[in-house]
Protein backbone atom coordinates (compact mmCIF):
# COMPACT_ATOMS: atom_id res chain seq x y z
CA UNK A 1 92.48 143.39 87.38
CA UNK A 2 90.11 140.81 85.95
CA UNK A 3 87.56 140.01 88.45
CA UNK A 4 85.91 137.26 86.28
CA UNK A 5 89.08 135.72 86.17
CA UNK A 6 89.52 135.60 89.80
CA UNK A 7 85.96 134.60 90.34
CA UNK A 8 86.36 131.77 88.03
CA UNK A 9 89.71 130.68 89.72
CA UNK A 10 87.76 130.59 93.26
CA UNK A 11 84.84 128.51 91.72
CA UNK A 12 87.30 126.03 90.14
CA UNK A 13 89.30 125.49 93.51
CA UNK A 14 85.65 124.86 95.32
CA UNK A 15 84.74 122.37 92.42
CA UNK A 16 88.13 120.58 92.90
CA UNK A 17 87.08 119.75 96.49
CA UNK A 18 85.84 116.08 95.70
CA UNK A 19 87.33 114.09 98.49
CA UNK A 20 85.39 112.75 101.25
CA UNK A 21 83.57 115.69 103.30
CA UNK A 22 84.39 117.83 100.14
CA UNK A 23 82.09 120.34 98.90
CA UNK A 24 81.55 118.58 95.64
CA UNK A 25 82.03 115.00 96.87
CA UNK A 26 81.02 112.71 94.01
CA UNK A 27 78.16 110.90 96.14
CA UNK A 28 77.59 113.18 98.90
CA UNK A 29 78.45 116.90 98.14
CA UNK A 30 77.83 119.14 101.27
CA UNK A 31 76.72 122.20 99.05
CA UNK A 32 74.31 122.34 96.12
CA UNK A 33 76.47 125.08 94.33
CA UNK A 34 79.01 127.87 94.54
CA UNK A 35 78.01 131.04 92.90
CA UNK A 36 79.42 134.64 92.29
CA UNK A 37 77.20 137.39 93.56
CA UNK A 38 73.82 135.79 93.98
CA UNK A 39 72.46 132.34 93.78
CA UNK A 40 69.92 131.73 91.33
CA UNK A 41 66.25 132.01 92.49
CA UNK A 42 65.49 128.27 92.57
CA UNK A 43 68.75 127.26 94.26
CA UNK A 44 68.54 124.45 96.59
CA UNK A 45 70.25 125.01 100.02
CA UNK A 46 73.01 124.77 101.26
CA UNK A 47 75.05 126.80 98.84
CA UNK A 48 78.01 129.45 98.85
CA UNK A 49 78.17 132.80 96.83
CA UNK A 50 81.55 134.29 96.43
CA UNK A 51 81.65 138.21 96.33
CA UNK A 52 84.41 140.73 96.25
CA UNK A 53 83.57 143.61 98.56
CA UNK A 54 86.85 145.54 98.20
CA UNK A 55 89.78 145.76 96.36
CA UNK A 56 91.98 148.69 97.03
CA UNK A 57 95.05 149.84 94.89
CA UNK A 58 98.04 150.62 96.91
CA UNK A 59 100.56 152.59 94.90
CA UNK A 60 103.82 151.83 97.13
CA UNK A 61 105.73 150.24 94.82
CA UNK A 62 106.67 150.46 91.09
CA UNK A 63 103.69 148.49 90.04
CA UNK A 64 99.98 148.43 91.42
CA UNK A 65 99.23 146.17 94.32
CA UNK A 66 95.72 145.34 94.88
CA UNK A 67 94.55 144.34 98.40
CA UNK A 68 91.47 142.33 97.79
CA UNK A 69 88.78 141.11 99.93
CA UNK A 70 87.11 137.94 99.10
CA UNK A 71 83.96 137.10 100.80
CA UNK A 72 82.30 133.65 100.84
CA UNK A 73 78.52 133.54 102.14
CA UNK A 74 77.35 130.09 103.04
CA UNK A 75 73.58 129.60 103.52
CA UNK A 76 71.57 126.62 105.26
CA UNK A 77 67.95 125.98 105.99
CA UNK A 78 67.05 126.44 109.63
CA UNK A 79 64.89 123.40 110.91
CA UNK A 80 62.11 126.09 112.13
CA UNK A 81 62.36 129.77 113.14
CA UNK A 82 64.77 129.89 115.98
CA UNK A 83 65.92 126.21 115.63
CA UNK A 84 69.26 126.29 114.32
CA UNK A 85 71.05 122.85 115.26
CA UNK A 86 71.13 121.14 112.03
CA UNK A 87 71.68 124.48 110.04
CA UNK A 88 74.93 124.95 112.42
CA UNK A 89 76.31 121.70 111.70
CA UNK A 90 75.85 122.08 108.04
CA UNK A 91 77.39 125.56 108.12
CA UNK A 92 80.24 124.20 110.31
CA UNK A 93 80.89 121.57 107.55
CA UNK A 94 80.99 123.89 104.93
CA UNK A 95 83.25 126.66 106.93
CA UNK A 96 85.65 123.59 107.55
CA UNK A 97 86.26 123.15 103.85
CA UNK A 98 86.28 126.99 103.07
CA UNK A 99 88.92 127.52 105.53
CA UNK A 100 91.00 124.01 104.63
CA UNK A 101 93.34 121.69 106.34
CA UNK A 102 96.56 124.02 106.51
CA UNK A 103 97.41 123.29 109.81
CA UNK A 104 97.72 119.68 109.21
CA UNK A 105 99.96 119.98 106.29
CA UNK A 106 103.72 120.27 107.27
CA UNK A 107 104.37 123.18 104.77
CA UNK A 108 101.11 124.87 106.08
CA UNK A 109 99.78 124.97 102.54
CA UNK A 110 95.93 123.67 102.45
CA UNK A 111 95.29 120.69 99.92
CA UNK A 112 91.78 122.29 99.79
CA UNK A 113 90.08 125.38 101.22
CA UNK A 114 91.23 129.01 100.97
CA UNK A 115 93.15 130.02 104.16
CA UNK A 116 96.75 130.29 103.51
CA UNK A 117 95.90 129.11 100.02
CA UNK A 118 98.60 130.87 97.60
CA UNK A 119 96.69 131.95 94.47
CA UNK A 120 99.05 130.45 91.80
CA UNK A 121 96.85 131.24 88.64
CA UNK A 122 97.64 129.57 85.53
CA UNK A 123 99.03 131.92 82.61
CA UNK A 124 95.56 131.84 80.82
CA UNK A 125 94.05 133.12 84.23
CA UNK A 126 96.55 135.76 85.13
CA UNK A 127 94.85 138.73 85.96
CA UNK A 128 96.20 141.39 83.59
CA UNK A 129 100.01 140.15 84.73
CA UNK A 130 99.04 139.92 88.31
CA UNK A 131 99.27 136.94 90.66
CA UNK A 132 98.09 136.61 93.99
CA UNK A 133 99.68 136.01 97.50
CA UNK A 134 98.37 133.88 100.11
CA UNK A 135 94.62 134.16 101.24
CA UNK A 136 94.30 134.82 104.67
CA UNK A 137 90.88 134.39 106.36
CA UNK A 138 90.32 137.76 108.58
CA UNK A 139 86.85 137.80 109.72
CA UNK A 140 84.09 135.25 110.16
CA UNK A 141 80.56 135.90 111.07
CA UNK A 142 77.15 133.83 111.63
CA UNK A 143 73.64 135.49 111.18
CA UNK A 144 70.39 134.81 110.20
CA UNK A 145 69.28 136.01 106.87
CA UNK A 146 65.86 135.69 107.40
CA UNK A 147 63.44 133.27 109.85
CA UNK A 148 64.08 130.25 107.33
CA UNK A 149 68.10 130.64 106.46
CA UNK A 150 70.92 130.84 108.57
CA UNK A 151 73.94 132.56 106.92
CA UNK A 152 77.90 132.24 107.67
CA UNK A 153 80.32 134.59 106.22
CA UNK A 154 84.27 134.19 105.94
CA UNK A 155 86.10 137.09 104.59
CA UNK A 156 89.77 136.59 103.22
CA UNK A 157 92.35 139.08 102.10
CA UNK A 158 94.88 138.68 99.62
CA UNK A 159 97.17 140.79 97.46
CA UNK A 160 97.52 141.09 93.69
CA UNK A 161 100.72 142.48 92.26
CA UNK A 162 103.15 142.23 89.57
CA UNK A 163 105.86 142.28 92.48
CA UNK A 164 104.85 139.66 94.45
CA UNK A 165 108.32 138.82 95.62
CA UNK A 166 108.01 142.00 97.74
CA UNK A 167 104.81 140.78 99.66
CA UNK A 168 105.62 138.25 102.39
CA UNK A 169 103.25 135.06 102.87
CA UNK A 170 101.93 134.43 106.15
């Protein structure tokens, strides 16, 4: 499993969100960047950091199947210690874009965002012959990173396999 290719794909999907209200809208982006692992030291808020806290190999089929957790942590600046109203609005907008518009689509496939998005990697991004199943949002949390930053964390689960026909999408 090539995590570099997976992260490249996740960032490419975020950067493709250029519509009105999008993460990377041309004239009014709602984040300054999407990074892997950690944001650069001088990154301006708000931004998103992608990490892969778990990838468990499940040897239940004839090929390896990886149940993978993908974590998106969004960070926004607090107005003052304990004052979170604008940071909450910023994070709400980011969360809406990361989750996506799946419920508004007849086929339940989002046009942006990640919940229920089927990872259709192009051949050059195929992870060692693997393809991904639909991503499913499984956990959301909100916490103060410190007295100046509020953090929203979204965790998605997906499967990577050479036998995806055996894995039902939600």
